[in-house]
């Protein structure tokens, strides 16, 4: 039997924290290993409890969720943990900064319980929880900020088809949409995505989108 996904819940509102924990613990494949109310406690508990996923609020005392995410999953972290950010606001500056800090995805706090559970399982599996339509909104709103002042060429050589797939990912297309656009199978798309992430040393599709815009590969 597969071991359950270990989850740490971090939110400064006790009622929300308890609600999340109750929903998660009711699942046979998920287990809440700890709860806390600020980002500093989240960092400390992660080091002690070694959760698979941290469900992280954004606005918290002591250390906010963005700073905590950066310490847990940011660039240079030797053993990054998967962070699922929850927020009250859809695509606000806090969500954008959290994704840049290393979060694997985000949800709205008013999302149905099923979406929370799906989000945890998705992030735990190594995938990014960022729906294609959300990617389009995110990139459309923050493309100017993502793009560097000077256009730097990609440092890693991608094959023409891989570059094509990366551009489509950055435009917010799902695997099925990419498959249709390029007239290839979804399994082939998955293979290309995996190669791209490996070559560029990226964790997930969220990072691939930001990479593509930073390198000027898409407009």
Protein backbone atom coordinates (compact mmCIF):
# COMPACT_ATOMS: atom_id res chain seq x y z
CA UNK A 1 0.00 0.00 0.00
CA UNK A 2 1.32 3.42 -0.99
CA UNK A 3 2.15 5.74 1.89
CA UNK A 4 -0.22 8.72 2.19
CA UNK A 5 0.86 12.17 1.03
CA UNK A 6 2.06 14.09 4.09
CA UNK A 7 0.58 17.59 4.27
CA UNK A 8 1.43 20.62 6.41
CA UNK A 9 -1.34 23.22 6.63
CA UNK A 10 -0.27 26.82 7.21
CA UNK A 11 -2.91 29.57 7.63
CA UNK A 12 -3.24 32.31 10.23
CA UNK A 13 -7.02 31.80 10.48
CA UNK A 14 -7.69 28.92 12.84
CA UNK A 15 -11.11 28.17 11.37
CA UNK A 16 -9.76 27.83 7.83
CA UNK A 17 -6.76 25.85 9.05
CA UNK A 18 -8.98 23.41 10.92
CA UNK A 19 -11.36 23.13 7.99
CA UNK A 20 -8.57 22.32 5.56
CA UNK A 21 -7.07 19.78 7.96
CA UNK A 22 -10.43 18.06 8.47
CA UNK A 23 -11.05 17.78 4.72
CA UNK A 24 -7.54 16.49 4.02
CA UNK A 25 -7.42 13.99 6.89
CA UNK A 26 -10.68 12.42 5.74
CA UNK A 27 -8.89 11.10 2.63
CA UNK A 28 -7.21 7.70 2.86
CA UNK A 29 -4.31 8.82 0.62
CA UNK A 30 -3.63 12.10 2.47
CA UNK A 31 -2.40 12.80 5.97
CA UNK A 32 -2.06 16.09 7.86
CA UNK A 33 1.23 15.96 9.75
CA UNK A 34 1.08 19.45 11.20
CA UNK A 35 -0.62 22.84 11.35
CA UNK A 36 0.69 26.35 11.95
CA UNK A 37 -0.35 29.98 11.74
CA UNK A 38 2.63 31.85 10.32
CA UNK A 39 5.34 31.45 7.70
CA UNK A 40 8.23 31.13 10.12
CA UNK A 41 6.51 28.23 11.86
CA UNK A 42 5.89 26.66 8.44
CA UNK A 43 9.61 26.74 7.64
CA UNK A 44 10.53 25.33 11.05
CA UNK A 45 7.89 22.60 10.96
CA UNK A 46 8.83 21.60 7.41
CA UNK A 47 12.40 20.99 8.54
CA UNK A 48 11.14 18.90 11.44
CA UNK A 49 8.19 17.02 9.89
CA UNK A 50 9.35 16.67 6.26
CA UNK A 51 5.90 17.00 4.62
CA UNK A 52 5.38 16.21 0.93
CA UNK A 53 3.19 19.27 0.39
CA UNK A 54 2.76 22.53 2.28
CA UNK A 55 -0.62 24.22 1.88
CA UNK A 56 0.42 27.85 2.34
CA UNK A 57 -1.60 30.99 3.00
CA UNK A 58 -0.16 34.22 1.60
CA UNK A 59 -0.92 36.93 4.13
CA UNK A 60 0.34 35.87 7.54
CA UNK A 61 2.19 37.36 10.51
CA UNK A 62 5.89 36.94 11.40
CA UNK A 63 6.79 35.72 7.91
CA UNK A 64 4.37 35.93 5.00
CA UNK A 65 3.62 33.03 2.71
CA UNK A 66 5.73 34.38 -0.15
CA UNK A 67 8.88 34.68 1.95
CA UNK A 68 8.22 31.27 3.50
CA UNK A 69 7.71 29.72 0.06
CA UNK A 70 11.01 31.20 -1.11
CA UNK A 71 12.79 29.58 1.84
CA UNK A 72 11.08 26.23 1.22
CA UNK A 73 11.08 26.00 -2.57
CA UNK A 74 13.01 28.92 -4.01
CA UNK A 75 16.12 28.98 -6.15
CA UNK A 76 19.09 27.47 -4.40
CA UNK A 77 17.09 25.41 -1.89
CA UNK A 78 18.87 22.06 -1.67
CA UNK A 79 15.78 19.96 -0.99
CA UNK A 80 12.75 22.01 -2.09
CA UNK A 81 9.32 21.07 -0.80
CA UNK A 82 6.19 21.35 -2.93
CA UNK A 83 4.10 24.36 -1.95
CA UNK A 84 0.43 24.87 -2.82
CA UNK A 85 -0.49 28.51 -2.22
CA UNK A 86 -4.04 29.44 -1.23
CA UNK A 87 -5.26 33.00 -1.53
CA UNK A 88 -8.41 35.07 -1.22
CA UNK A 89 -7.72 36.99 -4.42
CA UNK A 90 -7.54 35.63 -7.93
CA UNK A 91 -4.24 36.39 -9.68
CA UNK A 92 -3.20 39.26 -7.43
CA UNK A 93 0.39 40.40 -6.99
CA UNK A 94 0.82 38.01 -4.07
CA UNK A 95 0.01 34.98 -6.20
CA UNK A 96 2.40 36.08 -8.93
CA UNK A 97 5.21 36.61 -6.43
CA UNK A 98 4.47 33.28 -4.76
CA UNK A 99 4.81 31.45 -8.07
CA UNK A 100 8.11 33.21 -8.70
CA UNK A 101 9.20 32.23 -5.20
CA UNK A 102 8.86 28.56 -6.12
CA UNK A 103 5.25 27.57 -5.45
CA UNK A 104 3.99 24.68 -7.57
CA UNK A 105 0.51 26.15 -7.89
CA UNK A 106 -2.29 28.03 -6.21
CA UNK A 107 -5.95 27.83 -5.34
CA UNK A 108 -8.58 30.26 -4.16
CA UNK A 109 -9.72 29.84 -0.56
CA UNK A 110 -13.33 29.57 -1.67
CA UNK A 111 -12.59 26.67 -4.02
CA UNK A 112 -14.67 23.53 -3.38
CA UNK A 113 -13.08 20.86 -1.16
CA UNK A 114 -12.65 18.59 -4.17
CA UNK A 115 -10.41 21.21 -5.81
CA UNK A 116 -8.26 21.49 -2.69
CA UNK A 117 -7.78 17.72 -2.62
CA UNK A 118 -7.10 17.59 -6.36
CA UNK A 119 -4.59 20.41 -5.93
CA UNK A 120 -2.68 18.62 -3.21
CA UNK A 121 -2.54 15.38 -5.18
CA UNK A 122 -1.50 17.21 -8.36
CA UNK A 123 1.31 19.11 -6.66
CA UNK A 124 2.44 16.00 -4.79
CA UNK A 125 2.74 14.13 -8.09
CA UNK A 126 5.21 16.70 -9.36
CA UNK A 127 2.83 18.51 -11.69
CA UNK A 128 1.97 22.19 -11.51
CA UNK A 129 -1.52 23.24 -10.53
CA UNK A 130 -2.04 26.07 -12.98
CA UNK A 131 -4.91 25.62 -15.40
CA UNK A 132 -4.22 26.72 -18.99
CA UNK A 133 -6.79 29.51 -18.83
CA UNK A 134 -5.20 30.78 -15.63
CA UNK A 135 -1.78 30.69 -17.30
CA UNK A 136 -3.13 32.89 -20.08
CA UNK A 137 -4.48 35.42 -17.57
CA UNK A 138 -1.33 35.36 -15.49
CA UNK A 139 0.99 35.86 -18.42
CA UNK A 140 -1.25 38.44 -20.04
CA UNK A 141 -1.28 40.51 -16.89
CA UNK A 142 2.36 40.17 -15.91
CA UNK A 143 4.22 39.63 -19.20
CA UNK A 144 5.85 43.05 -19.06
CA UNK A 145 7.13 42.39 -15.56
CA UNK A 146 8.38 38.91 -16.41
CA UNK A 147 10.26 40.03 -19.51
CA UNK A 148 13.79 41.28 -18.80
CA UNK A 149 14.93 44.73 -19.88
CA UNK A 150 17.41 43.16 -22.29
CA UNK A 151 16.56 40.18 -24.41
CA UNK A 152 18.92 37.37 -23.45
CA UNK A 153 19.09 34.23 -25.62
CA UNK A 154 18.28 30.86 -24.15
CA UNK A 155 21.39 29.32 -22.62
CA UNK A 156 20.27 25.75 -23.23
CA UNK A 157 19.88 24.45 -26.76
CA UNK A 158 16.42 23.04 -27.38
CA UNK A 159 15.49 21.12 -30.48
CA UNK A 160 13.15 23.02 -32.83
CA UNK A 161 10.15 20.91 -31.83
CA UNK A 162 10.95 21.30 -28.13
CA UNK A 163 11.15 25.06 -28.59
CA UNK A 164 7.80 24.98 -30.35
CA UNK A 165 6.22 23.04 -27.48
CA UNK A 166 7.74 25.42 -24.93
CA UNK A 167 6.22 28.40 -26.72
CA UNK A 168 2.81 26.74 -26.72
CA UNK A 169 3.12 25.94 -23.00
CA UNK A 170 3.93 29.61 -22.38
CA UNK A 171 0.85 30.62 -24.34
CA UNK A 172 -1.22 28.57 -21.90
CA UNK A 173 -2.12 25.58 -24.05
CA UNK A 174 -2.86 22.26 -22.36
CA UNK A 175 -1.25 19.03 -23.52
CA UNK A 176 -4.32 18.10 -25.54
CA UNK A 177 -4.38 21.52 -27.20
CA UNK A 178 -0.68 21.29 -28.01
CA UNK A 179 -1.25 17.82 -29.46
CA UNK A 180 -4.01 19.16 -31.69
CA UNK A 181 -1.97 22.19 -32.78
CA UNK A 182 1.07 20.10 -33.71
CA UNK A 183 -0.89 17.06 -34.92
CA UNK A 184 0.87 14.68 -32.53
CA UNK A 185 -0.33 12.44 -29.70
CA UNK A 186 -0.72 13.61 -26.11
CA UNK A 187 1.87 11.02 -25.05
CA UNK A 188 4.34 12.60 -27.42
CA UNK A 189 3.56 16.01 -25.96
CA UNK A 190 4.19 14.66 -22.47
CA UNK A 191 7.56 13.35 -23.63
CA UNK A 192 8.50 16.75 -25.05
CA UNK A 193 7.38 18.53 -21.88
CA UNK A 194 9.45 16.16 -19.76
CA UNK A 195 12.51 16.72 -21.95
CA UNK A 196 12.10 20.49 -21.80
CA UNK A 197 11.82 20.55 -18.02
CA UNK A 198 14.84 18.27 -17.68
CA UNK A 199 17.02 20.21 -20.13
CA UNK A 200 16.19 23.57 -18.61
CA UNK A 201 16.30 22.24 -15.04
CA UNK A 202 12.76 23.45 -14.37
CA UNK A 203 10.42 21.90 -11.84
CA UNK A 204 7.10 22.37 -13.61
CA UNK A 205 5.08 24.17 -16.27
CA UNK A 206 4.79 27.32 -14.18
CA UNK A 207 8.56 27.73 -14.24
CA UNK A 208 8.56 26.92 -17.96
CA UNK A 209 6.16 29.81 -18.64
CA UNK A 210 8.26 32.28 -16.67
CA UNK A 211 11.45 30.97 -18.34
CA UNK A 212 10.01 31.43 -21.82
CA UNK A 213 8.98 35.02 -21.13
CA UNK A 214 12.24 35.92 -19.42
CA UNK A 215 14.20 34.61 -22.39
CA UNK A 216 12.03 36.46 -24.88
CA UNK A 217 10.92 33.25 -26.54
CA UNK A 218 7.30 34.41 -26.62
CA UNK A 219 5.59 37.79 -26.71
